[in-house]
Protein backbone atom coordinates (compact mmCIF):
# COMPACT_ATOMS: atom_id res chain seq x y z
CA UNK A 1 15.40 -11.19 -14.09
CA UNK A 2 12.44 -12.24 -11.98
CA UNK A 3 12.11 -9.18 -9.69
CA UNK A 4 12.33 -11.40 -6.60
CA UNK A 5 15.22 -9.29 -5.31
CA UNK A 6 14.10 -6.01 -6.89
CA UNK A 7 14.33 -2.77 -4.95
CA UNK A 8 12.41 0.48 -5.27
CA UNK A 9 9.21 1.65 -3.71
CA UNK A 10 6.05 3.14 -5.08
CA UNK A 11 6.99 5.97 -7.41
CA UNK A 12 10.66 4.99 -7.66
CA UNK A 13 12.65 3.34 -10.40
CA UNK A 14 12.85 -0.40 -9.78
CA UNK A 15 16.22 -2.11 -9.98
CA UNK A 16 17.47 -5.66 -9.80
CA UNK A 17 20.95 -7.10 -10.22
CA UNK A 18 21.61 -10.64 -11.44
CA UNK A 19 25.05 -11.99 -12.42
CA UNK A 20 26.52 -8.47 -12.13
CA UNK A 21 24.03 -7.04 -14.66
CA UNK A 22 21.65 -4.39 -13.37
CA UNK A 23 18.18 -3.89 -14.83
CA UNK A 24 16.51 -0.54 -14.16
CA UNK A 25 12.81 -0.23 -14.90
CA UNK A 26 11.44 3.30 -15.24
CA UNK A 27 7.80 4.19 -15.76
CA UNK A 28 5.66 7.25 -16.07
CA UNK A 29 4.02 8.30 -13.86
CA UNK A 30 4.93 5.62 -11.28
CA UNK A 31 5.72 1.96 -10.69
CA UNK A 32 5.31 -0.40 -7.78
CA UNK A 33 6.20 -3.95 -6.84
CA UNK A 34 3.33 -6.33 -6.16
CA UNK A 35 4.07 -9.22 -3.81
CA UNK A 36 2.70 -12.59 -2.77
CA UNK A 37 -0.09 -13.55 -5.11
CA UNK A 38 -0.61 -10.29 -6.99
CA UNK A 39 -2.36 -11.11 -10.26
CA UNK A 40 -1.86 -14.84 -9.64
CA UNK A 41 1.89 -14.61 -9.07
CA UNK A 42 3.46 -16.37 -6.12
CA UNK A 43 6.38 -13.93 -6.08
CA UNK A 44 6.95 -10.30 -6.95
CA UNK A 45 5.84 -8.54 -10.10
CA UNK A 46 6.26 -4.99 -11.35
CA UNK A 47 3.03 -3.10 -11.79
CA UNK A 48 2.17 0.34 -13.05
CA UNK A 49 0.34 2.76 -10.82
CA UNK A 50 -1.91 5.26 -12.56
CA UNK A 51 -2.14 5.89 -16.28
CA UNK A 52 1.31 4.72 -17.29
CA UNK A 53 1.90 5.19 -20.98
CA UNK A 54 5.41 3.79 -21.22
CA UNK A 55 7.97 1.63 -19.45
CA UNK A 56 11.69 1.65 -20.11
CA UNK A 57 13.94 -1.33 -19.36
CA UNK A 58 17.63 -0.34 -19.15
CA UNK A 59 20.36 -2.94 -18.74
CA UNK A 60 23.87 -2.13 -17.51
CA UNK A 61 25.29 -4.11 -20.43
CA UNK A 62 24.04 -5.86 -23.55
CA UNK A 63 21.73 -8.84 -22.89
CA UNK A 64 19.65 -11.28 -24.90
CA UNK A 65 15.99 -10.86 -23.93
CA UNK A 66 14.06 -14.13 -24.17
CA UNK A 67 10.62 -12.80 -23.23
CA UNK A 68 8.68 -9.97 -21.64
CA UNK A 69 5.20 -10.76 -20.39
CA UNK A 70 2.86 -7.76 -20.20
CA UNK A 71 -0.66 -8.27 -18.91
CA UNK A 72 -3.68 -6.13 -18.21
CA UNK A 73 -6.07 -6.95 -15.38
CA UNK A 74 -8.58 -4.23 -16.17
CA UNK A 75 -9.58 -5.42 -19.63
CA UNK A 76 -8.74 -2.24 -21.54
CA UNK A 77 -7.65 -2.47 -25.14
CA UNK A 78 -3.91 -1.88 -25.11
CA UNK A 79 -1.43 -1.93 -27.96
CA UNK A 80 2.01 -3.00 -26.80
CA UNK A 81 5.05 -1.83 -28.74
CA UNK A 82 8.49 -3.13 -27.87
CA UNK A 83 11.22 -0.94 -29.32
CA UNK A 84 14.86 -1.81 -28.67
CA UNK A 85 17.29 1.09 -28.75
CA UNK A 86 20.98 0.70 -29.40
CA UNK A 87 22.70 -2.56 -30.19
CA UNK A 88 21.05 -5.03 -32.55
CA UNK A 89 17.34 -5.73 -32.92
């Protein structure tokens, strides 16, 4: 999943389908999609809007996750916790 074909506007869940698997990204309070050079990217990235304290990635079926790359452009101290639910860890 690279979010290049992701859908969802500011404040909506963001979804993307690849190889018949759908990823839904939900955040609180809201999410957005940055485009064309946001944070050094040449494509689209998902960004949080406001004081988001959690993000949830939901896949339509079991997948192997190779990497998730979180980054913080404001320089705050953030502790990231990745907690898989269901399936194997």
